[in-house]
N, C-alpha and C. Protein backbone atom coordinates (compact mmCIF):
# COMPACT_ATOMS: atom_id res chain seq x y z
N MET A 1 8.42 11.58 -29.63
CA MET A 1 7.85 10.77 -28.56
C MET A 1 7.84 11.59 -27.28
N ALA A 2 6.72 11.59 -26.59
CA ALA A 2 6.58 12.37 -25.35
C ALA A 2 7.29 11.66 -24.20
N MET A 3 7.86 12.46 -23.32
CA MET A 3 8.50 11.90 -22.12
C MET A 3 7.43 11.46 -21.14
N PRO A 4 7.67 10.36 -20.40
CA PRO A 4 6.70 9.94 -19.40
C PRO A 4 6.59 10.98 -18.29
N GLN A 5 5.40 11.12 -17.76
CA GLN A 5 5.18 12.06 -16.67
C GLN A 5 5.72 11.49 -15.36
N LYS A 6 6.29 12.34 -14.54
CA LYS A 6 6.75 11.92 -13.21
C LYS A 6 5.54 11.80 -12.31
N VAL A 7 5.52 10.73 -11.50
CA VAL A 7 4.43 10.51 -10.56
C VAL A 7 5.01 10.33 -9.17
N ALA A 8 4.42 11.00 -8.20
CA ALA A 8 4.83 10.86 -6.81
C ALA A 8 3.69 10.24 -6.02
N ILE A 9 4.01 9.24 -5.21
CA ILE A 9 3.04 8.63 -4.31
C ILE A 9 3.28 9.24 -2.94
N VAL A 10 2.25 9.87 -2.39
CA VAL A 10 2.38 10.55 -1.10
C VAL A 10 1.44 9.89 -0.10
N THR A 11 2.01 9.20 0.88
CA THR A 11 1.20 8.63 1.95
C THR A 11 0.98 9.72 3.00
N GLY A 12 -0.19 9.67 3.62
CA GLY A 12 -0.52 10.72 4.58
C GLY A 12 -0.75 12.05 3.90
N GLY A 13 -1.23 12.01 2.66
CA GLY A 13 -1.35 13.22 1.86
C GLY A 13 -2.58 14.06 2.14
N ALA A 14 -3.40 13.68 3.10
CA ALA A 14 -4.62 14.43 3.38
C ALA A 14 -4.36 15.74 4.09
N ARG A 15 -3.35 15.77 4.93
CA ARG A 15 -3.09 16.99 5.70
C ARG A 15 -1.66 16.99 6.23
N GLY A 16 -1.29 18.08 6.83
CA GLY A 16 0.02 18.18 7.47
C GLY A 16 1.18 18.10 6.50
N ILE A 17 2.22 17.40 6.94
CA ILE A 17 3.44 17.28 6.14
C ILE A 17 3.18 16.60 4.81
N GLY A 18 2.35 15.55 4.80
CA GLY A 18 2.04 14.86 3.55
C GLY A 18 1.37 15.78 2.54
N ARG A 19 0.44 16.60 3.01
CA ARG A 19 -0.23 17.56 2.14
C ARG A 19 0.77 18.57 1.58
N ALA A 20 1.64 19.07 2.44
CA ALA A 20 2.66 20.04 2.00
C ALA A 20 3.60 19.41 0.97
N CYS A 21 3.98 18.16 1.19
CA CYS A 21 4.84 17.46 0.23
C CYS A 21 4.13 17.28 -1.10
N ALA A 22 2.85 16.91 -1.05
CA ALA A 22 2.08 16.73 -2.29
C ALA A 22 2.04 18.03 -3.08
N HIS A 23 1.81 19.15 -2.40
CA HIS A 23 1.78 20.45 -3.08
C HIS A 23 3.14 20.78 -3.70
N ALA A 24 4.20 20.57 -2.94
CA ALA A 24 5.54 20.89 -3.44
C ALA A 24 5.89 20.04 -4.65
N LEU A 25 5.55 18.75 -4.60
CA LEU A 25 5.84 17.86 -5.72
C LEU A 25 5.00 18.23 -6.94
N ALA A 26 3.76 18.61 -6.73
CA ALA A 26 2.91 19.03 -7.85
C ALA A 26 3.47 20.30 -8.49
N LYS A 27 3.90 21.24 -7.67
CA LYS A 27 4.48 22.48 -8.21
C LYS A 27 5.77 22.21 -8.97
N ALA A 28 6.45 21.11 -8.61
CA ALA A 28 7.68 20.72 -9.31
C ALA A 28 7.40 19.92 -10.58
N GLY A 29 6.11 19.68 -10.88
CA GLY A 29 5.76 19.04 -12.14
C GLY A 29 5.30 17.60 -12.06
N HIS A 30 5.13 17.06 -10.87
CA HIS A 30 4.71 15.67 -10.72
C HIS A 30 3.19 15.53 -10.71
N ALA A 31 2.71 14.42 -11.25
CA ALA A 31 1.34 13.98 -10.98
C ALA A 31 1.39 13.35 -9.58
N ILE A 32 0.27 13.39 -8.86
CA ILE A 32 0.28 12.96 -7.47
C ILE A 32 -0.73 11.85 -7.24
N ALA A 33 -0.29 10.80 -6.54
CA ALA A 33 -1.19 9.76 -6.03
C ALA A 33 -1.20 9.92 -4.52
N LEU A 34 -2.34 10.32 -3.97
CA LEU A 34 -2.49 10.52 -2.53
C LEU A 34 -3.01 9.25 -1.88
N VAL A 35 -2.44 8.87 -0.75
CA VAL A 35 -2.87 7.67 -0.04
C VAL A 35 -3.09 8.05 1.43
N ASP A 36 -4.30 7.82 1.93
CA ASP A 36 -4.63 8.16 3.32
C ASP A 36 -5.97 7.53 3.65
N LEU A 37 -6.37 7.63 4.91
CA LEU A 37 -7.69 7.17 5.33
C LEU A 37 -8.68 8.32 5.41
N LEU A 38 -8.21 9.54 5.37
CA LEU A 38 -9.04 10.73 5.53
C LEU A 38 -9.51 11.21 4.16
N VAL A 39 -10.54 10.58 3.64
CA VAL A 39 -10.98 10.81 2.27
C VAL A 39 -11.42 12.25 2.01
N PRO A 40 -12.28 12.86 2.82
CA PRO A 40 -12.68 14.24 2.50
C PRO A 40 -11.50 15.21 2.43
N GLU A 41 -10.56 15.08 3.36
CA GLU A 41 -9.38 15.94 3.36
C GLU A 41 -8.50 15.66 2.15
N MET A 42 -8.39 14.38 1.80
CA MET A 42 -7.59 13.99 0.64
C MET A 42 -8.21 14.52 -0.65
N GLU A 43 -9.53 14.49 -0.75
CA GLU A 43 -10.22 15.02 -1.92
C GLU A 43 -9.97 16.52 -2.05
N ARG A 44 -9.95 17.23 -0.91
CA ARG A 44 -9.66 18.66 -0.94
C ARG A 44 -8.25 18.90 -1.46
N THR A 45 -7.28 18.14 -0.95
CA THR A 45 -5.90 18.27 -1.40
C THR A 45 -5.80 17.96 -2.89
N ALA A 46 -6.48 16.91 -3.33
CA ALA A 46 -6.46 16.54 -4.75
C ALA A 46 -7.03 17.67 -5.61
N GLY A 47 -8.10 18.30 -5.15
CA GLY A 47 -8.68 19.42 -5.88
C GLY A 47 -7.72 20.58 -6.01
N GLU A 48 -6.97 20.86 -4.94
CA GLU A 48 -5.98 21.93 -4.97
C GLU A 48 -4.87 21.61 -5.97
N ILE A 49 -4.47 20.34 -6.01
CA ILE A 49 -3.41 19.92 -6.94
C ILE A 49 -3.91 20.01 -8.38
N ARG A 50 -5.15 19.60 -8.60
CA ARG A 50 -5.71 19.70 -9.96
C ARG A 50 -5.82 21.16 -10.41
N ALA A 51 -6.10 22.05 -9.46
CA ALA A 51 -6.16 23.48 -9.78
C ALA A 51 -4.80 24.02 -10.23
N LEU A 52 -3.73 23.33 -9.84
CA LEU A 52 -2.38 23.70 -10.29
C LEU A 52 -2.07 23.15 -11.68
N GLY A 53 -3.04 22.39 -12.23
CA GLY A 53 -2.84 21.81 -13.56
C GLY A 53 -2.17 20.46 -13.55
N ARG A 54 -2.13 19.81 -12.40
CA ARG A 54 -1.50 18.49 -12.28
C ARG A 54 -2.58 17.43 -12.03
N GLU A 55 -2.29 16.21 -12.44
CA GLU A 55 -3.19 15.10 -12.18
C GLU A 55 -3.05 14.66 -10.74
N ALA A 56 -4.18 14.30 -10.11
CA ALA A 56 -4.16 13.80 -8.74
C ALA A 56 -5.15 12.65 -8.60
N LEU A 57 -4.69 11.54 -8.07
CA LEU A 57 -5.55 10.39 -7.78
C LEU A 57 -5.62 10.22 -6.27
N VAL A 58 -6.73 9.69 -5.79
CA VAL A 58 -6.97 9.51 -4.36
C VAL A 58 -7.16 8.02 -4.09
N PHE A 59 -6.39 7.49 -3.15
CA PHE A 59 -6.49 6.09 -2.74
C PHE A 59 -6.75 6.04 -1.25
N GLU A 60 -7.90 5.48 -0.86
CA GLU A 60 -8.19 5.29 0.55
C GLU A 60 -7.52 3.99 0.99
N ALA A 61 -6.52 4.10 1.85
CA ALA A 61 -5.79 2.90 2.29
C ALA A 61 -5.06 3.18 3.59
N ASP A 62 -4.89 2.14 4.35
CA ASP A 62 -4.07 2.17 5.56
C ASP A 62 -2.77 1.47 5.19
N VAL A 63 -1.72 2.24 4.94
CA VAL A 63 -0.46 1.64 4.48
C VAL A 63 0.22 0.83 5.58
N ALA A 64 -0.26 0.94 6.81
CA ALA A 64 0.29 0.12 7.89
C ALA A 64 -0.20 -1.33 7.77
N LEU A 65 -1.27 -1.54 7.01
CA LEU A 65 -1.83 -2.88 6.80
C LEU A 65 -1.62 -3.28 5.35
N HIS A 66 -0.62 -4.09 5.11
CA HIS A 66 -0.20 -4.46 3.76
C HIS A 66 -1.37 -4.98 2.92
N ALA A 67 -2.17 -5.87 3.45
CA ALA A 67 -3.25 -6.46 2.66
C ALA A 67 -4.27 -5.40 2.24
N ARG A 68 -4.60 -4.48 3.09
CA ARG A 68 -5.57 -3.42 2.74
C ARG A 68 -4.98 -2.45 1.74
N ALA A 69 -3.71 -2.16 1.86
CA ALA A 69 -3.08 -1.24 0.91
C ALA A 69 -3.05 -1.85 -0.49
N ARG A 70 -2.82 -3.13 -0.59
CA ARG A 70 -2.74 -3.80 -1.89
C ARG A 70 -4.08 -3.82 -2.59
N GLN A 71 -5.17 -3.82 -1.84
CA GLN A 71 -6.50 -3.95 -2.44
C GLN A 71 -7.11 -2.61 -2.80
N SER A 72 -6.45 -1.53 -2.54
CA SER A 72 -7.02 -0.20 -2.78
C SER A 72 -7.17 0.09 -4.26
N GLN A 73 -8.26 0.76 -4.57
CA GLN A 73 -8.55 1.22 -5.93
C GLN A 73 -8.69 2.74 -5.89
N PRO A 74 -8.39 3.42 -6.98
CA PRO A 74 -8.56 4.88 -6.97
C PRO A 74 -10.01 5.26 -6.77
N ARG A 75 -10.21 6.37 -6.09
CA ARG A 75 -11.58 6.88 -5.87
C ARG A 75 -11.89 7.94 -6.89
């Protein structure tokens, strides 16, 4: 039986500290779920993570607004 994959949810993952954390977690073996409002930047980060051989999903959401965060679907 295969072990479940580790998944990290990174808010603010489009740039800056969030992007750096997403890269570090991906290099450590995690699949990454990126959450941010900056979709083009998040897509770039997701592409970089996929190039490392890790799965990356992109969620456009404002985590400061609970109702909007709950309704987000992967892009």
